[in-house]
Structures are given as C-alpha cells and as structure tokens.
Amino acid sequence: MASLAHPAPSRARVRYSIIITLALFGVSVFGTGFWIRTQTRPPHDPLFLTAHHQMLGYQFQEVPLGAQVAETLATTHLFNGHFFDSHSNRVSVFEAQWQAGQGTGGNLFGHTPEICWVGQGFRTVRFNEPSQVFLNFAGRRIPFQCRVLRHPQLSTPEITLWAACVDGRWDDVLLGPPPNLNDGAVTVGAYLQEVGRTLTTRWASVCRLVQNPFYVGARKQFIRFSMPLNTGWEPALIELERFARQWLEPQGPISKG
C-alpha cells in the first residue's frame, strides 16, 4: 500500500525558499522607499506656523528639555513651557521644527502624547470629546488630534491638541493611537470602536501618503498644547481654540528656492 506521507523537502529547497522570501521582502521595502523618493513633488501652497514666545495677557514659564530628549528629537528648534493668564490658568505648549534634511519622519511620531505621555504614566480617558478638531489658519483647515489623558498622581486630567506637518502639508502625517491606552476597564464595544477609529485614521493617512508621497528629509513641524480639564470638554476646547488663534500665526507659503 502506497504511503500517504509527503517526502521531506531537501535542505536546498528550504534554503531556496528562504532566499526568495527575503528577496521579495527586500524589494517591497526598499522599492517602496525608492518610489516615495522619486515621486516627491513640491507641496501645493505649503503652510507653516509661528509659535509666539510672548503673548498679551499671559506670562510664559519655560520648561527646559533634557539633553536626552533633544538628542532623541534631533533638532535644536524646541519650544516647551507653560503660559499662565491673569487668573493663573495654565496652558502648556510644545513646538518643534526640523529643517529640510534634518532628522527623520519618525521624530514626528515619537513625541505625541499617546507615545511620550503614556510612557510617563498617563492613560487616555473618554468624555465623548471628538478625536479630531479642525482649526483655521490663513483659510486652511488644519486637523488637530484631540485626547484627554489622566495621570494617576494628578487629580485633574489634561485635554490636549496636537498636529504635525511634512513639507507644509498637515493632512499627510500618519497618526494613530497605540494599543492599551485606556484608563481602567474597557468594554468590548468601546474597544471595537477605538480599533475602528484607529484603522480608519491610518487607512486614510496611508491613502493620502500614496497620493502625495513625501521625502523623510523634508521640512517638518510639530505643535502640541494642553490645559487641565477643570470643566466639560466643550468649554475647554473653546478655550484652547481661542488660545491657538493668539499663540500661532501662519508663516505663509515657503519658497522652494
């Protein structure tokens, strides 16, 4: 009776299969990177924002960043601290810029609150606030990510907005929350909703990236500001938007000389 067992593959065939798999993987990775670089085109109507260090009605307190943070971000253009109004209300700010050829695109993603703050013990909490809001500058709607995060040693959560641009485009940056960010127990429905939001955000960003590829050495900017959530999220967002209109100013198109 003939045996139904398949003959064991030879070592040569296994080695050949591994080589083919690695070759295909290398082509897909390096080919994609080469395509992005060769398809780069100047952005249409690029926009950068100037973050003011002084504002009427506010006192600014600088918070120096450690040498390790500056080394990780790979730029010397860093602005970090707190603005206090006449009633001692605080708005914390952070702004960084990378000139063309300085740093890599990863610098934009490593300092988002969902990465950096969570690494310091914060966890996201949900108050039905929007996950994204749009602020208008120079007739442009810039998408800002919106989250509420709480630290176990702080009595008040923090509501924060942040945005990033590459080469003057604010809607091509891939931003999405990593897993296990929620504070406390999470229901199945809430978890699936968070996963759906993450996948939707990332898929939309990938589609925009394919349509408008950028080179990692392009000029970049990252902006984040936050305040304690002492009220409901609606008045807090109104206050942050009012602050942003005073703190940030459009630079206008940047010439590509």
C-alpha atoms as a PDB file:
ATOM      1  CA  MET A   1       0.000   0.000   0.000  1.00  0.00           C
ATOM      2  CA  ALA A   2       1.421   3.342  -1.011  1.00  0.00           C
ATOM      3  CA  SER A   3       2.357   5.719   1.807  1.00  0.00           C
ATOM      4  CA  LEU A   4       0.388   8.990   2.120  1.00  0.00           C
ATOM      5  CA  ALA A   5       3.300  10.814   3.787  1.00  0.00           C
ATOM      6  CA  HIS A   6       4.851  13.607   1.774  1.00  0.00           C
ATOM      7  CA  PRO A   7       8.606  13.431   1.260  1.00  0.00           C
ATOM      8  CA  ALA A   8      10.591  15.845   3.429  1.00  0.00           C
ATOM      9  CA  PRO A   9      11.822  18.850   1.466  1.00  0.00           C
ATOM     10  CA  SER A  10      15.532  18.947   0.818  1.00  0.00           C
ATOM     11  CA  ARG A  11      17.766  21.482   2.525  1.00  0.00           C
ATOM     12  CA  ALA A  12      18.471  23.100  -0.821  1.00  0.00           C
ATOM     13  CA  ARG A  13      14.764  23.683  -1.465  1.00  0.00           C
ATOM     14  CA  VAL A  14      14.259  25.137   2.013  1.00  0.00           C
ATOM     15  CA  ARG A  15      17.268  27.427   1.571  1.00  0.00           C
ATOM     16  CA  TYR A  16      15.993  28.486  -1.853  1.00  0.00           C
ATOM     17  CA  SER A  17      12.542  29.312  -0.427  1.00  0.00           C
ATOM     18  CA  ILE A  18      14.059  31.424   2.350  1.00  0.00           C
ATOM     19  CA  ILE A  19      16.205  33.346  -0.131  1.00  0.00           C
ATOM     20  CA  ILE A  20      13.208  34.033  -2.385  1.00  0.00           C
ATOM     21  CA  THR A  21      11.104  35.218   0.598  1.00  0.00           C
ATOM     22  CA  LEU A  22      13.846  37.561   1.845  1.00  0.00           C
ATOM     23  CA  ALA A  23      14.385  38.907  -1.664  1.00  0.00           C
ATOM     24  CA  LEU A  24      10.692  39.692  -2.113  1.00  0.00           C
ATOM     25  CA  PHE A  25      10.583  41.356   1.300  1.00  0.00           C
ATOM     26  CA  GLY A  26      13.639  43.462   0.457  1.00  0.00           C
ATOM     27  CA  VAL A  27      12.190  44.535  -2.876  1.00  0.00           C
ATOM     28  CA  SER A  28       8.898  45.533  -1.247  1.00  0.00           C
ATOM     29  CA  VAL A  29      10.604  47.591   1.489  1.00  0.00           C
ATOM     30  CA  PHE A  30      13.358  49.267  -0.498  1.00  0.00           C
ATOM     31  CA  GLY A  31      11.225  49.561  -3.615  1.00  0.00           C
ATOM     32  CA  THR A  32       8.564  51.451  -1.706  1.00  0.00           C
ATOM     33  CA  GLY A  33      11.154  53.789  -0.211  1.00  0.00           C
ATOM     34  CA  PHE A  34      12.696  54.414  -3.643  1.00  0.00           C
ATOM     35  CA  TRP A  35       9.279  55.108  -5.141  1.00  0.00           C
ATOM     36  CA  ILE A  36       8.460  57.627  -2.431  1.00  0.00           C
ATOM     37  CA  ARG A  37      11.735  59.478  -3.028  1.00  0.00           C
ATOM     38  CA  THR A  38      11.394  59.535  -6.810  1.00  0.00           C
ATOM     39  CA  GLN A  39       7.731  60.580  -6.709  1.00  0.00           C
ATOM     40  CA  THR A  40       8.293  63.545  -4.398  1.00  0.00           C
ATOM     41  CA  ARG A  41       6.834  66.768  -5.692  1.00  0.00           C
ATOM     42  CA  PRO A  42       6.649  70.239  -4.090  1.00  0.00           C
ATOM     43  CA  PRO A  43       3.513  70.635  -1.958  1.00  0.00           C
ATOM     44  CA  HIS A  44       0.767  72.895  -3.163  1.00  0.00           C
ATOM     45  CA  ASP A  45       0.547  76.055  -1.046  1.00  0.00           C
ATOM     46  CA  PRO A  46       2.691  74.862   1.914  1.00  0.00           C
ATOM     47  CA  LEU A  47       1.893  76.332   5.315  1.00  0.00           C
ATOM     48  CA  PHE A  48       3.972  76.553   8.498  1.00  0.00           C
ATOM     49  CA  LEU A  49       3.013  78.171  11.792  1.00  0.00           C
ATOM     50  CA  THR A  50       4.948  80.545  14.027  1.00  0.00           C
ATOM     51  CA  ALA A  51       4.573  79.864  17.770  1.00  0.00           C
ATOM     52  CA  HIS A  52       4.856  83.099  19.769  1.00  0.00           C
ATOM     53  CA  HIS A  53       7.010  83.110  22.890  1.00  0.00           C
ATOM     54  CA  GLN A  54       5.232  86.148  24.333  1.00  0.00           C
ATOM     55  CA  MET A  55       1.531  86.982  24.309  1.00  0.00           C
ATOM     56  CA  LEU A  56      -0.540  89.829  25.727  1.00  0.00           C
ATOM     57  CA  GLY A  57      -2.253  88.814  28.959  1.00  0.00           C
ATOM     58  CA  TYR A  58      -0.011  85.782  29.564  1.00  0.00           C
ATOM     59  CA  GLN A  59       3.192  85.087  31.442  1.00  0.00           C
ATOM     60  CA  PHE A  60       5.434  82.435  29.967  1.00  0.00           C
ATOM     61  CA  GLN A  61       7.449  79.964  32.035  1.00  0.00           C
ATOM     62  CA  GLU A  62       9.994  77.992  30.045  1.00  0.00           C
ATOM     63  CA  VAL A  63      10.491  74.331  30.902  1.00  0.00           C
ATOM     64  CA  PRO A  64      13.915  73.188  29.633  1.00  0.00           C
ATOM     65  CA  LEU A  65      14.033  69.813  27.949  1.00  0.00           C
ATOM     66  CA  GLY A  66      16.740  67.373  28.934  1.00  0.00           C
ATOM     67  CA  ALA A  67      19.690  66.644  26.700  1.00  0.00           C
ATOM     68  CA  GLN A  68      18.390  63.139  26.027  1.00  0.00           C
ATOM     69  CA  VAL A  69      15.056  64.486  24.737  1.00  0.00           C
ATOM     70  CA  ALA A  70      16.803  66.988  22.485  1.00  0.00           C
ATOM     71  CA  GLU A  71      19.109  64.262  21.197  1.00  0.00           C
ATOM     72  CA  THR A  72      16.173  61.952  20.500  1.00  0.00           C
ATOM     73  CA  LEU A  73      14.258  64.635  18.607  1.00  0.00           C
ATOM     74  CA  ALA A  74      17.412  65.564  16.646  1.00  0.00           C
ATOM     75  CA  THR A  75      16.675  69.283  16.409  1.00  0.00           C
ATOM     76  CA  THR A  76      17.663  72.393  18.331  1.00  0.00           C
ATOM     77  CA  HIS A  77      14.453  74.230  17.451  1.00  0.00           C
ATOM     78  CA  LEU A  78      12.436  73.271  20.531  1.00  0.00           C
ATOM     79  CA  PHE A  79       9.929  75.396  22.441  1.00  0.00           C
ATOM     80  CA  ASN A  80       8.480  73.980  25.651  1.00  0.00           C
ATOM     81  CA  GLY A  81       6.792  75.535  28.674  1.00  0.00           C
ATOM     82  CA  HIS A  82       3.646  76.955  30.285  1.00  0.00           C
ATOM     83  CA  PHE A  83       1.565  80.081  29.642  1.00  0.00           C
ATOM     84  CA  PHE A  84      -0.337  81.488  32.652  1.00  0.00           C
ATOM     85  CA  ASP A  85      -3.094  84.076  32.328  1.00  0.00           C
ATOM     86  CA  SER A  86      -4.030  86.701  34.954  1.00  0.00           C
ATOM     87  CA  HIS A  87      -6.119  84.092  36.813  1.00  0.00           C
ATOM     88  CA  SER A  88      -3.219  81.598  36.921  1.00  0.00           C
ATOM     89  CA  ASN A  89      -4.907  79.337  34.386  1.00  0.00           C
ATOM     90  CA  ARG A  90      -2.273  77.226  32.646  1.00  0.00           C
ATOM     91  CA  VAL A  91      -1.803  76.223  29.015  1.00  0.00           C
ATOM     92  CA  SER A  92       1.207  74.003  28.363  1.00  0.00           C
ATOM     93  CA  VAL A  93       2.848  74.215  24.938  1.00  0.00           C
ATOM     94  CA  PHE A  94       5.418  72.381  22.864  1.00  0.00           C
ATOM     95  CA  GLU A  95       6.650  73.171  19.367  1.00  0.00           C
ATOM     96  CA  ALA A  96       9.468  71.683  17.311  1.00  0.00           C
ATOM     97  CA  GLN A  97      10.772  72.188  13.791  1.00  0.00           C
ATOM     98  CA  TRP A  98      13.115  70.241  11.572  1.00  0.00           C
ATOM     99  CA  GLN A  99      14.701  71.945   8.596  1.00  0.00           C
ATOM    100  CA  ALA A 100      14.987  70.121   5.278  1.00  0.00           C
ATOM    101  CA  GLY A 101      17.439  67.254   5.620  1.00  0.00           C
ATOM    102  CA  GLN A 102      17.406  67.389   9.431  1.00  0.00           C
ATOM    103  CA  GLY A 103      16.117  64.377  11.307  1.00  0.00           C
ATOM    104  CA  THR A 104      13.674  61.799  10.025  1.00  0.00           C
ATOM    105  CA  GLY A 105       9.928  61.474   9.838  1.00  0.00           C
ATOM    106  CA  GLY A 106       9.992  59.338  12.976  1.00  0.00           C
ATOM    107  CA  ASN A 107      10.684  62.432  15.054  1.00  0.00           C
ATOM    108  CA  LEU A 108       7.090  63.493  14.498  1.00  0.00           C
ATOM    109  CA  PHE A 109       5.638  60.304  15.939  1.00  0.00           C
ATOM    110  CA  GLY A 110       7.818  59.760  18.996  1.00  0.00           C
ATOM    111  CA  HIS A 111       6.668  62.861  20.859  1.00  0.00           C
ATOM    112  CA  THR A 112       2.895  62.638  20.536  1.00  0.00           C
ATOM    113  CA  PRO A 113       1.054  62.477  23.875  1.00  0.00           C
ATOM    114  CA  GLU A 114      -0.127  58.956  23.020  1.00  0.00           C
ATOM    115  CA  ILE A 115       3.517  57.869  22.969  1.00  0.00           C
ATOM    116  CA  CYS A 116       5.512  60.235  25.160  1.00  0.00           C
ATOM    117  CA  TRP A 117       2.900  60.950  27.848  1.00  0.00           C
ATOM    118  CA  VAL A 118       1.777  57.352  28.056  1.00  0.00           C
ATOM    119  CA  GLY A 119       5.398  56.404  28.627  1.00  0.00           C
ATOM    120  CA  GLN A 120       5.310  58.686  31.671  1.00  0.00           C
ATOM    121  CA  GLY A 121       2.240  57.022  33.164  1.00  0.00           C
ATOM    122  CA  PHE A 122      -0.690  58.837  31.512  1.00  0.00           C
ATOM    123  CA  ARG A 123      -3.703  56.925  30.200  1.00  0.00           C
ATOM    124  CA  THR A 124      -6.470  58.131  27.922  1.00  0.00           C
ATOM    125  CA  VAL A 125      -9.955  58.694  29.301  1.00  0.00           C
ATOM    126  CA  ARG A 126     -13.065  59.327  27.238  1.00  0.00           C
ATOM    127  CA  PHE A 127     -15.607  62.106  27.815  1.00  0.00           C
ATOM    128  CA  ASN A 128     -17.192  61.861  24.342  1.00  0.00           C
ATOM    129  CA  GLU A 129     -14.813  64.532  23.108  1.00  0.00           C
ATOM    130  CA  PRO A 130     -14.023  64.478  19.358  1.00  0.00           C
ATOM    131  CA  SER A 131     -10.875  62.610  18.376  1.00  0.00           C
ATOM    132  CA  GLN A 132     -10.047  65.322  15.831  1.00  0.00           C
ATOM    133  CA  VAL A 133     -10.822  69.032  15.543  1.00  0.00           C
ATOM    134  CA  PHE A 134     -10.046  71.492  12.751  1.00  0.00           C
ATOM    135  CA  LEU A 135      -8.522  74.931  13.365  1.00  0.00           C
ATOM    136  CA  ASN A 136      -8.452  77.577  10.641  1.00  0.00           C
ATOM    137  CA  PHE A 137      -5.232  79.384   9.738  1.00  0.00           C
ATOM    138  CA  ALA A 138      -4.851  81.502   6.604  1.00  0.00           C
ATOM    139  CA  GLY A 139      -8.013  79.978   5.173  1.00  0.00           C
ATOM    140  CA  ARG A 140      -6.748  76.421   5.735  1.00  0.00           C
ATOM    141  CA  ARG A 141      -8.394  73.800   7.982  1.00  0.00           C
ATOM    142  CA  ILE A 142      -5.625  72.078   9.923  1.00  0.00           C
ATOM    143  CA  PRO A 143      -6.571  68.769  11.600  1.00  0.00           C
ATOM    144  CA  PHE A 144      -5.546  68.544  15.267  1.00  0.00           C
ATOM    145  CA  GLN A 145      -5.728  65.296  17.210  1.00  0.00           C
ATOM    146  CA  CYS A 146      -7.712  65.673  20.448  1.00  0.00           C
ATOM    147  CA  ARG A 147      -7.333  63.473  23.544  1.00  0.00           C
ATOM    148  CA  VAL A 148      -7.967  63.591  27.285  1.00  0.00           C
ATOM    149  CA  LEU A 149      -5.279  61.908  29.367  1.00  0.00           C
ATOM    150  CA  ARG A 150      -5.046  61.321  33.098  1.00  0.00           C
ATOM    151  CA  HIS A 151      -2.036  60.621  35.304  1.00  0.00           C
ATOM    152  CA  PRO A 152      -2.632  58.514  38.442  1.00  0.00           C
ATOM    153  CA  GLN A 153      -0.798  61.077  40.602  1.00  0.00           C
ATOM    154  CA  LEU A 154      -2.781  64.059  39.294  1.00  0.00           C
ATOM    155  CA  SER A 155      -6.332  64.884  40.335  1.00  0.00           C
ATOM    156  CA  THR A 156      -7.261  66.619  37.071  1.00  0.00           C
ATOM    157  CA  PRO A 157      -6.994  65.119  33.577  1.00  0.00           C
ATOM    158  CA  GLU A 158      -5.387  67.079  30.744  1.00  0.00           C
ATOM    159  CA  ILE A 159      -7.045  67.825  27.418  1.00  0.00           C
ATOM    160  CA  THR A 160      -4.553  68.206  24.614  1.00  0.00           C
ATOM    161  CA  LEU A 161      -4.453  69.071  20.913  1.00  0.00           C
ATOM    162  CA  TRP A 162      -1.577  68.326  18.553  1.00  0.00           C
ATOM    163  CA  ALA A 163      -0.774  68.375  14.857  1.00  0.00           C
ATOM    164  CA  ALA A 164       2.202  67.761  12.592  1.00  0.00           C
ATOM    165  CA  CYS A 165       3.133  68.725   9.058  1.00  0.00           C
ATOM    166  CA  VAL A 166       5.622  67.475   6.490  1.00  0.00           C
ATOM    167  CA  ASP A 167       6.775  69.950   3.849  1.00  0.00           C
ATOM    168  CA  GLY A 168       3.900  72.279   4.701  1.00  0.00           C
ATOM    169  CA  ARG A 169       1.156  69.609   4.450  1.00  0.00           C
ATOM    170  CA  TRP A 170      -0.830  68.959   7.622  1.00  0.00           C
ATOM    171  CA  ASP A 171      -3.016  66.084   6.448  1.00  0.00           C
ATOM    172  CA  ASP A 172      -0.396  63.582   5.264  1.00  0.00           C
ATOM    173  CA  VAL A 173       1.092  62.643   8.631  1.00  0.00           C
ATOM    174  CA  LEU A 174       0.262  59.134   9.824  1.00  0.00           C
ATOM    175  CA  LEU A 175      -1.072  59.467  13.368  1.00  0.00           C
ATOM    176  CA  GLY A 176      -2.898  56.786  15.297  1.00  0.00           C
ATOM    177  CA  PRO A 177      -3.121  55.553  18.899  1.00  0.00           C
ATOM    178  CA  PRO A 178      -1.112  52.534  20.026  1.00  0.00           C
ATOM    179  CA  PRO A 179      -2.966  49.792  21.940  1.00  0.00           C
ATOM    180  CA  ASN A 180      -3.739  49.617  25.664  1.00  0.00           C
ATOM    181  CA  LEU A 181      -4.148  53.330  26.244  1.00  0.00           C
ATOM    182  CA  ASN A 182      -7.480  53.442  28.032  1.00  0.00           C
ATOM    183  CA  ASP A 183      -7.753  54.150  31.733  1.00  0.00           C
ATOM    184  CA  GLY A 184      -9.401  51.334  33.666  1.00  0.00           C
ATOM    185  CA  ALA A 185     -11.665  48.615  32.332  1.00  0.00           C
ATOM    186  CA  VAL A 186     -12.728  48.791  28.701  1.00  0.00           C
ATOM    187  CA  THR A 187     -15.958  47.339  27.347  1.00  0.00           C
ATOM    188  CA  VAL A 188     -15.917  45.252  24.180  1.00  0.00           C
ATOM    189  CA  GLY A 189     -17.967  47.879  22.352  1.00  0.00           C
ATOM    190  CA  ALA A 190     -15.640  50.718  23.348  1.00  0.00           C
ATOM    191  CA  TYR A 191     -12.599  48.649  22.401  1.00  0.00           C
ATOM    192  CA  LEU A 192     -14.001  47.820  18.959  1.00  0.00           C
ATOM    193  CA  GLN A 193     -14.931  51.467  18.433  1.00  0.00           C
ATOM    194  CA  GLU A 194     -11.357  52.504  19.290  1.00  0.00           C
ATOM    195  CA  VAL A 195      -9.910  49.870  16.965  1.00  0.00           C
ATOM    196  CA  GLY A 196     -12.237  51.019  14.168  1.00  0.00           C
ATOM    197  CA  ARG A 197     -11.237  54.646  14.663  1.00  0.00           C
ATOM    198  CA  THR A 198      -7.553  53.696  14.617  1.00  0.00           C
ATOM    199  CA  LEU A 199      -7.857  51.640  11.429  1.00  0.00           C
ATOM    200  CA  THR A 200      -9.901  54.344   9.710  1.00  0.00           C
ATOM    201  CA  THR A 201      -7.382  57.044  10.628  1.00  0.00           C
ATOM    202  CA  ARG A 202      -4.408  55.011   9.499  1.00  0.00           C
ATOM    203  CA  TRP A 203      -6.014  53.848   6.250  1.00  0.00           C
ATOM    204  CA  ALA A 204      -6.954  57.425   5.329  1.00  0.00           C
ATOM    205  CA  SER A 205      -3.405  58.576   6.112  1.00  0.00           C
ATOM    206  CA  VAL A 206      -1.878  55.787   4.005  1.00  0.00           C
ATOM    207  CA  CYS A 207      -4.139  56.706   1.076  1.00  0.00           C
ATOM    208  CA  ARG A 208      -3.093  60.366   1.332  1.00  0.00           C
ATOM    209  CA  LEU A 209       0.554  59.326   1.580  1.00  0.00           C
ATOM    210  CA  VAL A 210       0.304  57.250  -1.593  1.00  0.00           C
ATOM    211  CA  GLN A 211      -1.332  60.154  -3.430  1.00  0.00           C
ATOM    212  CA  ASN A 212       1.099  62.752  -2.034  1.00  0.00           C
ATOM    213  CA  PRO A 213       4.353  60.980  -1.082  1.00  0.00           C
ATOM    214  CA  PHE A 214       6.959  62.985   0.768  1.00  0.00           C
ATOM    215  CA  TYR A 215      10.642  62.556   1.388  1.00  0.00           C
ATOM    216  CA  VAL A 216      11.654  61.931   5.021  1.00  0.00           C
ATOM    217  CA  GLY A 217      14.245  64.709   4.757  1.00  0.00           C
ATOM    218  CA  ALA A 218      11.581  67.363   4.132  1.00  0.00           C
ATOM    219  CA  ARG A 219      10.979  70.285   6.458  1.00  0.00           C
ATOM    220  CA  LYS A 220       8.706  69.302   9.348  1.00  0.00           C
ATOM    221  CA  GLN A 221       6.834  70.904  12.250  1.00  0.00           C
ATOM    222  CA  PHE A 222       5.086  69.520  15.329  1.00  0.00           C
ATOM    223  CA  ILE A 223       2.751  71.502  17.625  1.00  0.00           C
ATOM    224  CA  ARG A 224       1.082  70.443  20.865  1.00  0.00           C
ATOM    225  CA  PHE A 225      -0.796  72.404  23.546  1.00  0.00           C
ATOM    226  CA  SER A 226      -2.924  71.366  26.511  1.00  0.00           C
ATOM    227  CA  MET A 227      -4.686  72.510  29.656  1.00  0.00           C
ATOM    228  CA  PRO A 228      -6.239  70.956  32.791  1.00  0.00           C
ATOM    229  CA  LEU A 229      -9.790  69.744  32.200  1.00  0.00           C
ATOM    230  CA  ASN A 230     -11.467  71.628  35.054  1.00  0.00           C
ATOM    231  CA  THR A 231     -14.742  71.944  33.136  1.00  0.00           C
ATOM    232  CA  GLY A 232     -16.531  69.946  30.465  1.00  0.00           C
ATOM    233  CA  TRP A 233     -14.634  69.232  27.277  1.00  0.00           C
ATOM    234  CA  GLU A 234     -16.743  71.686  25.210  1.00  0.00           C
ATOM    235  CA  PRO A 235     -15.698  74.896  27.037  1.00  0.00           C
ATOM    236  CA  ALA A 236     -12.152  73.535  27.337  1.00  0.00           C
ATOM    237  CA  LEU A 237     -11.924  73.088  23.561  1.00  0.00           C
ATOM    238  CA  ILE A 238     -13.306  76.591  23.008  1.00  0.00           C
ATOM    239  CA  GLU A 239     -10.613  77.975  25.318  1.00  0.00           C
ATOM    240  CA  LEU A 240      -7.850  76.005  23.592  1.00  0.00           C
ATOM    241  CA  GLU A 241      -9.014  77.160  20.165  1.00  0.00           C
ATOM    242  CA  ARG A 242      -9.084  80.779  21.371  1.00  0.00           C
ATOM    243  CA  PHE A 243      -5.565  80.347  22.752  1.00  0.00           C
ATOM    244  CA  ALA A 244      -4.321  78.804  19.498  1.00  0.00           C
ATOM    245  CA  ARG A 245      -5.512  81.773  17.439  1.00  0.00           C
ATOM    246  CA  GLN A 246      -3.408  84.039  19.648  1.00  0.00           C
ATOM    247  CA  TRP A 247      -0.394  81.755  20.067  1.00  0.00           C
ATOM    248  CA  LEU A 248       0.011  80.546  16.468  1.00  0.00           C
ATOM    249  CA  GLU A 249       0.438  82.678  13.375  1.00  0.00           C
ATOM    250  CA  PRO A 250       0.663  81.480   9.746  1.00  0.00           C
ATOM    251  CA  GLN A 251       4.029  81.969   8.085  1.00  0.00           C
ATOM    252  CA  GLY A 252       2.503  81.692   4.632  1.00  0.00           C
ATOM    253  CA  PRO A 253       3.928  79.822   1.634  1.00  0.00           C
ATOM    254  CA  ILE A 254       7.602  78.900   1.805  1.00  0.00           C
ATOM    255  CA  SER A 255       9.585  79.474  -1.349  1.00  0.00           C
ATOM    256  CA  LYS A 256      11.447  76.451  -2.729  1.00  0.00           C
ATOM    257  CA  GLY A 257      14.492  78.284  -3.908  1.00  0.00           C
END
